[in-house]
N, C-alpha and C. Protein backbone atom coordinates (compact mmCIF):
# COMPACT_ATOMS: atom_id res chain seq x y z
N MET A 1 220.76 2.89 150.50
CA MET A 1 219.48 3.64 149.96
C MET A 1 218.76 3.97 151.54
N PRO A 2 218.90 5.32 151.33
CA PRO A 2 218.41 6.05 152.87
C PRO A 2 216.70 6.35 152.46
N CYS A 3 215.77 6.15 153.03
CA CYS A 3 214.14 6.33 152.59
C CYS A 3 214.13 8.09 153.18
N PRO A 4 213.86 8.85 152.09
CA PRO A 4 213.42 9.77 151.88
C PRO A 4 212.90 10.84 152.27
N ARG A 5 211.92 10.40 153.13
CA ARG A 5 211.55 10.88 154.28
C ARG A 5 212.16 10.41 155.61
N CYS A 6 212.07 9.51 155.86
CA CYS A 6 212.57 9.49 157.53
C CYS A 6 214.51 9.06 157.61
N GLN A 7 214.48 8.84 156.25
CA GLN A 7 216.13 8.94 156.20
C GLN A 7 216.88 7.46 157.06
N VAL A 8 215.84 6.28 157.26
CA VAL A 8 216.23 5.62 157.61
C VAL A 8 217.26 4.10 156.67
N GLU A 9 218.02 3.85 157.03
CA GLU A 9 219.00 3.11 156.01
C GLU A 9 218.83 1.66 155.48
N SER A 10 217.85 1.49 156.17
CA SER A 10 217.09 -0.20 155.87
C SER A 10 216.18 0.01 154.63
N TYR A 11 216.08 1.42 153.70
CA TYR A 11 215.02 1.20 152.37
C TYR A 11 215.92 0.62 151.52
N GLU A 12 215.26 -0.05 150.58
CA GLU A 12 215.70 -0.85 149.43
C GLU A 12 214.61 -0.12 148.07
N GLY A 13 214.06 0.83 148.43
CA GLY A 13 213.59 1.21 146.90
C GLY A 13 212.95 0.26 146.50
N ARG A 14 211.82 -0.38 146.85
CA ARG A 14 210.88 -1.53 146.27
C ARG A 14 209.67 -1.20 145.47
N GLY A 15 210.14 -0.22 144.45
CA GLY A 15 208.68 0.56 144.06
C GLY A 15 208.16 1.46 144.82
N THR A 16 208.47 1.93 146.08
CA THR A 16 208.03 2.85 146.63
C THR A 16 208.13 3.85 146.55
N ARG A 17 207.91 5.15 147.25
CA ARG A 17 208.61 6.38 147.21
C ARG A 17 209.19 6.56 148.85
N TRP A 18 208.52 5.71 149.54
CA TRP A 18 209.21 5.36 151.03
C TRP A 18 209.21 4.33 151.74
N CYS A 19 209.83 4.38 152.75
CA CYS A 19 210.11 2.93 153.26
C CYS A 19 208.56 2.54 154.12
N THR A 20 209.21 1.29 154.50
CA THR A 20 207.48 0.59 154.36
C THR A 20 206.87 1.29 155.55
N GLU A 21 207.07 1.17 156.57
CA GLU A 21 207.13 2.09 157.80
C GLU A 21 206.12 3.43 157.66
N CYS A 22 206.69 4.13 156.85
CA CYS A 22 206.56 5.66 156.53
C CYS A 22 204.92 5.34 155.21
N GLU A 23 205.27 4.86 154.60
CA GLU A 23 203.53 4.35 153.63
C GLU A 23 202.65 4.14 154.54
N ARG A 24 203.19 3.04 155.49
CA ARG A 24 201.81 2.44 156.60
C ARG A 24 201.31 4.04 157.31
N ASP A 25 202.43 4.89 157.82
CA ASP A 25 202.18 6.40 158.74
C ASP A 25 201.08 6.84 157.59
N TYR A 26 201.51 7.21 156.71
CA TYR A 26 200.95 7.64 155.07
C TYR A 26 199.26 7.32 155.14
N ASP A 27 199.45 5.63 154.49
CA ASP A 27 198.33 5.14 154.29
C ASP A 27 197.47 5.30 155.82
N THR A 28 197.16 5.26 156.93
CA THR A 28 196.70 5.66 158.27
C THR A 28 195.96 6.67 157.87
N TRP A 29 197.16 7.83 157.89
CA TRP A 29 196.72 8.81 157.93
C TRP A 29 195.91 9.53 156.98
N SER A 30 195.71 9.11 156.29
CA SER A 30 194.77 9.54 154.19
C SER A 30 193.66 8.83 154.49
N ARG A 31 193.24 8.12 155.30
CA ARG A 31 192.06 7.28 155.57
C ARG A 31 191.44 8.66 156.55
N ARG A 32 191.89 9.54 156.64
CA ARG A 32 190.96 10.76 157.47
C ARG A 32 190.46 11.35 156.37
N HIS A 33 190.69 11.47 155.27
CA HIS A 33 190.56 12.39 154.14
C HIS A 33 189.79 11.38 153.12
N ALA A 34 189.28 10.03 153.43
CA ALA A 34 188.90 9.55 152.28
C ALA A 34 187.32 9.82 151.90
N GLY A 35 187.21 11.36 152.74
CA GLY A 35 185.90 12.53 151.51
C GLY A 35 186.49 12.66 150.87
N ASP A 36 187.10 12.56 149.66
CA ASP A 36 187.79 13.75 149.26
C ASP A 36 187.59 12.85 148.04
N ILE A 37 187.45 11.80 147.74
CA ILE A 37 186.33 11.07 146.37
C ILE A 37 185.12 11.97 146.03
N VAL A 38 184.34 12.29 146.89
CA VAL A 38 183.12 13.10 146.90
C VAL A 38 183.39 14.10 145.92
N TRP A 39 184.48 15.09 145.83
CA TRP A 39 184.09 16.44 145.59
C TRP A 39 184.83 15.77 143.55
N GLN A 40 185.77 14.79 143.79
CA GLN A 40 186.52 14.40 142.19
C GLN A 40 185.12 13.84 141.71
N ALA A 41 184.57 12.65 142.29
CA ALA A 41 183.27 12.86 141.62
C ALA A 41 182.54 13.79 140.79
N LEU A 42 182.13 14.54 142.31
CA LEU A 42 181.36 15.72 141.18
C LEU A 42 181.73 15.99 140.23
N GLY A 43 183.06 16.37 140.11
CA GLY A 43 183.65 17.32 139.42
C GLY A 43 183.52 16.94 137.98
N GLY A 44 183.91 15.22 137.96
CA GLY A 44 183.70 14.35 136.86
C GLY A 44 182.57 14.35 136.03
N MET A 45 181.39 14.14 137.12
CA MET A 45 180.09 14.52 136.95
C MET A 45 179.55 16.04 136.00
N LEU A 46 179.93 16.92 136.35
CA LEU A 46 179.28 17.89 136.28
C LEU A 46 180.78 18.27 134.12
N VAL A 47 181.62 17.90 134.28
CA VAL A 47 181.89 17.58 133.00
C VAL A 47 181.41 16.50 132.43
N VAL A 48 180.63 15.27 132.44
CA VAL A 48 179.50 14.33 131.98
C VAL A 48 178.30 15.24 131.65
N MET A 49 177.98 15.91 132.51
CA MET A 49 176.70 16.72 132.70
C MET A 49 176.49 17.72 131.89
N THR A 50 177.53 18.43 131.57
CA THR A 50 177.92 19.78 130.63
C THR A 50 178.30 18.53 129.20
N LEU A 51 178.87 18.02 128.90
CA LEU A 51 179.36 18.03 127.80
C LEU A 51 178.42 16.57 127.07
N GLY A 52 178.08 16.29 127.96
CA GLY A 52 177.05 14.49 127.46
C GLY A 52 175.53 14.65 127.34
N VAL A 53 174.94 15.86 128.48
CA VAL A 53 174.00 16.25 128.15
C VAL A 53 173.50 17.73 128.04
N ILE A 54 174.00 18.50 128.10
CA ILE A 54 173.48 19.78 127.74
C ILE A 54 173.65 20.34 126.45
N LEU A 55 175.28 19.85 126.05
CA LEU A 55 175.21 20.21 124.68
C LEU A 55 174.52 19.48 123.47
N PRO A 56 174.24 18.05 123.63
CA PRO A 56 173.14 17.29 122.66
C PRO A 56 171.92 18.20 122.98
N ALA A 57 171.64 18.33 123.71
CA ALA A 57 170.20 18.84 123.60
C ALA A 57 170.23 20.47 123.05
N LEU A 58 171.48 21.09 123.47
CA LEU A 58 171.53 22.39 122.35
C LEU A 58 171.23 21.98 121.31
N GLY A 59 171.62 20.80 120.52
CA GLY A 59 171.82 20.64 119.09
C GLY A 59 173.37 19.86 118.59
N ALA A 60 173.94 20.20 119.76
CA ALA A 60 175.26 19.51 119.34
C ALA A 60 174.88 18.11 118.78
N PRO A 61 176.13 17.56 117.94
CA PRO A 61 176.54 15.83 117.29
C PRO A 61 176.19 14.88 118.72
N TRP A 62 176.11 13.86 118.66
CA TRP A 62 176.40 13.00 119.53
C TRP A 62 177.54 11.80 119.69
N LEU A 63 178.45 12.50 119.08
CA LEU A 63 180.23 12.14 119.30
C LEU A 63 180.73 13.30 120.19
N LEU A 64 179.73 14.03 120.38
CA LEU A 64 180.46 15.28 121.61
C LEU A 64 180.04 14.63 122.48
N ALA A 65 178.89 14.53 122.67
CA ALA A 65 178.15 13.70 124.15
C ALA A 65 178.98 12.15 124.30
N LEU A 66 179.53 11.39 123.39
CA LEU A 66 180.72 10.34 124.05
C LEU A 66 181.44 10.95 124.35
N SER A 67 182.22 12.40 123.67
CA SER A 67 183.53 12.85 124.18
C SER A 67 183.50 12.88 125.85
N GLY A 68 182.02 13.70 125.78
CA GLY A 68 181.80 13.77 127.45
C GLY A 68 181.89 12.62 128.52
N VAL A 69 181.69 11.22 128.37
CA VAL A 69 181.88 10.27 129.11
C VAL A 69 183.38 10.33 128.97
N PHE A 70 184.58 10.17 128.03
CA PHE A 70 185.71 10.41 127.90
C PHE A 70 186.76 11.31 128.75
N GLY A 71 185.71 12.67 128.57
CA GLY A 71 186.48 14.13 129.65
C GLY A 71 185.77 13.99 131.14
N GLY A 72 184.60 12.83 131.41
CA GLY A 72 184.86 13.07 132.69
C GLY A 72 185.49 12.20 133.38
N PHE A 73 185.82 11.20 132.92
CA PHE A 73 186.43 10.45 133.35
C PHE A 73 187.92 10.75 133.61
N GLY A 74 188.41 11.29 132.44
CA GLY A 74 189.83 11.90 132.88
C GLY A 74 189.62 13.16 133.81
N THR A 75 189.03 14.21 134.00
CA THR A 75 188.41 14.68 135.17
C THR A 75 188.70 14.10 136.19
N ILE A 76 188.14 12.61 136.36
CA ILE A 76 188.14 11.92 137.77
C ILE A 76 189.55 11.48 138.19
N VAL A 77 190.02 11.32 137.02
CA VAL A 77 191.59 10.38 136.95
C VAL A 77 192.52 11.74 137.73
N GLY A 78 192.40 12.88 137.01
CA GLY A 78 192.97 13.91 136.77
C GLY A 78 193.28 14.52 137.94
N LEU A 79 192.29 15.04 138.63
CA LEU A 79 191.71 15.59 140.14
C LEU A 79 192.06 14.33 141.31
N ASN A 80 192.08 13.19 140.93
CA ASN A 80 192.85 12.22 141.92
C ASN A 80 194.43 12.48 142.04
N ARG A 81 194.60 12.61 140.99
CA ARG A 81 196.12 12.47 140.85
C ARG A 81 196.35 13.37 141.58
N TRP A 82 195.89 14.84 141.21
CA TRP A 82 196.34 16.16 142.24
C TRP A 82 196.16 15.99 143.21
N ASN A 83 195.14 14.94 143.85
CA ASN A 83 194.89 15.62 145.24
C ASN A 83 195.64 14.48 145.78
N ARG A 84 196.16 13.09 145.34
CA ARG A 84 196.94 12.44 145.95
C ARG A 84 198.19 13.39 146.50
N HIS A 85 198.68 14.04 145.37
CA HIS A 85 200.09 14.47 144.96
C HIS A 85 199.97 15.75 146.38
N TRP A 86 198.75 16.12 146.09
CA TRP A 86 198.43 17.65 147.60
C TRP A 86 198.61 17.36 148.82
N ARG A 87 198.27 15.49 148.66
CA ARG A 87 197.88 15.39 150.52
C ARG A 87 199.38 14.29 150.79
N ARG A 88 200.17 14.08 149.58
CA ARG A 88 201.48 13.36 150.45
C ARG A 88 202.52 14.77 151.00
N GLY A 89 201.90 16.10 149.94
CA GLY A 89 202.83 17.18 150.57
C GLY A 89 202.11 17.94 151.63
N GLN A 90 200.80 17.63 152.60
CA GLN A 90 200.44 18.11 153.24
C GLN A 90 201.11 16.72 153.93
N PHE A 91 201.03 15.54 154.41
CA PHE A 91 201.64 14.72 155.25
C PHE A 91 203.06 14.88 155.69
N LEU A 92 203.48 15.35 154.55
CA LEU A 92 205.21 15.54 154.73
C LEU A 92 205.31 16.67 156.07
N ILE A 93 204.66 17.44 155.66
CA ILE A 93 204.71 18.84 156.71
C ILE A 93 204.06 18.65 158.30
N GLY A 94 203.62 17.57 158.07
CA GLY A 94 202.97 16.93 159.09
C GLY A 94 201.49 17.80 160.07
N ALA A 95 201.11 18.29 158.58
CA ALA A 95 199.26 19.06 158.84
C ALA A 95 199.25 18.47 159.64
N ALA A 96 197.94 18.83 160.47
CA ALA A 96 197.00 17.91 161.33
C ALA A 96 197.37 16.75 161.16
N MET A 97 197.99 15.94 162.54
CA MET A 97 198.20 15.11 162.37
C MET A 97 197.75 14.70 163.54
N PRO A 98 197.07 13.54 163.46
CA PRO A 98 196.11 12.76 164.59
C PRO A 98 197.09 12.74 166.09
N ARG A 99 196.58 13.25 166.77
CA ARG A 99 197.03 13.37 168.32
C ARG A 99 197.68 11.69 168.74
N ALA A 100 196.83 11.21 168.69
CA ALA A 100 197.33 9.78 169.01
C ALA A 100 198.77 9.26 168.03
N TYR A 101 199.08 10.09 167.19
CA TYR A 101 200.51 9.60 166.02
C TYR A 101 201.74 11.12 166.55
N LEU A 102 201.15 11.76 167.79
CA LEU A 102 202.32 13.09 167.73
C LEU A 102 203.27 12.22 168.64
N PRO A 103 204.61 12.53 169.14
CA PRO A 103 205.67 12.40 169.77
C PRO A 103 205.08 12.33 171.08
N GLU A 104 205.61 12.03 171.97
CA GLU A 104 205.33 12.02 173.50
C GLU A 104 206.30 13.17 173.53
N PRO A 105 205.65 14.21 174.55
CA PRO A 105 207.03 15.46 175.07
C PRO A 105 207.64 14.75 176.04
N ARG A 106 208.84 15.10 176.31
CA ARG A 106 209.73 14.58 177.20
C ARG A 106 210.21 15.52 178.56
C-alpha cells in the first residue's frame, strides 16, 4: 500500500496516516507553529471565564459554573483538533516550508 503523501511503496499503514519519513518531516515542520497552543488556551479560558465566573456573579446557579470548566476543556480540545487538521492541510500543499527543506535546484 503506498503512502498517501509521497506514494512510497514501503508504507504498511501502521496506525499513522503517512509513512515514517513523511511523519518525521511533518513533525519537524509543525514545530515552527508551536505557539498555536496559546490561542487555543485563551479560547478555553474565555469560555471558562464567561460560564464559570461571570454567569454565577450575575446570579446563575453553581452547576452552570461547573459546566464552564467542562466547556472550556471541550473548547481547547476542539480547537486543537481543528488546528491539527488545518496545519496538516497546510503541510500537504507545502505552505511556508523552511528554506532548509526545499529541494535543491538542478
